[in-house]
Amino acid sequence: MASSLRKPKLGTKRKWRNSARILPTAKSLHKAQVKELTTHLAKTEAAHKAQVKELTTHLAKTEKQYKAQIEEISAHLAKTEADHKAQVEDLITRYDNEIEQLRQRIVEMNGLLHQRSVNLAEDEKLHRGIDGPVAQTAAQYQTTLAPPR
């Protein structure tokens, strides 16, 4: 406690007087720095808001373009699917027609083959009836006319 009751040194009073003169200058310097920083902050906030607005506008434009592209691709896909479906239906119809034509030709060919078989069988019956006695006579004729050996 004794040390706190001591008399201040002579240099200390001078420091207080000098600080009293410096303090208003420091305050004005501080105010100037605060004003400068506030101005800089306001400019930075304004720039930030402008960038946000610009990015939001760009994002909206990009999103609109992407949606347009998606619609275009979806429309193209739908058209391609419809074209493919129509081609498949066309091929099915064409192949079904060809199959039916082939089926009809097979039926016709079977009919012709059956008729041909019937005709051959009838011809064979007819020739057996005629050829039987004629063939015997021809065989006998050949044996009688055959040159001696």
Foldseek 3Di string as FASTA:
>chain_A
DVVVPDDDDPVVVVVVVVCVVCVVVVVVVVVVVVVVVVVVVVVVVVVVVVVVVVVVVVVVVVVVVVVVVVVVVVVVVVVVVVVVVVVVVVVVVVVVVVVVVVVVVVVVVVVVVVVVVVVVVVVVVVCCVVVVVVVVVVVVVCVVPPDDD
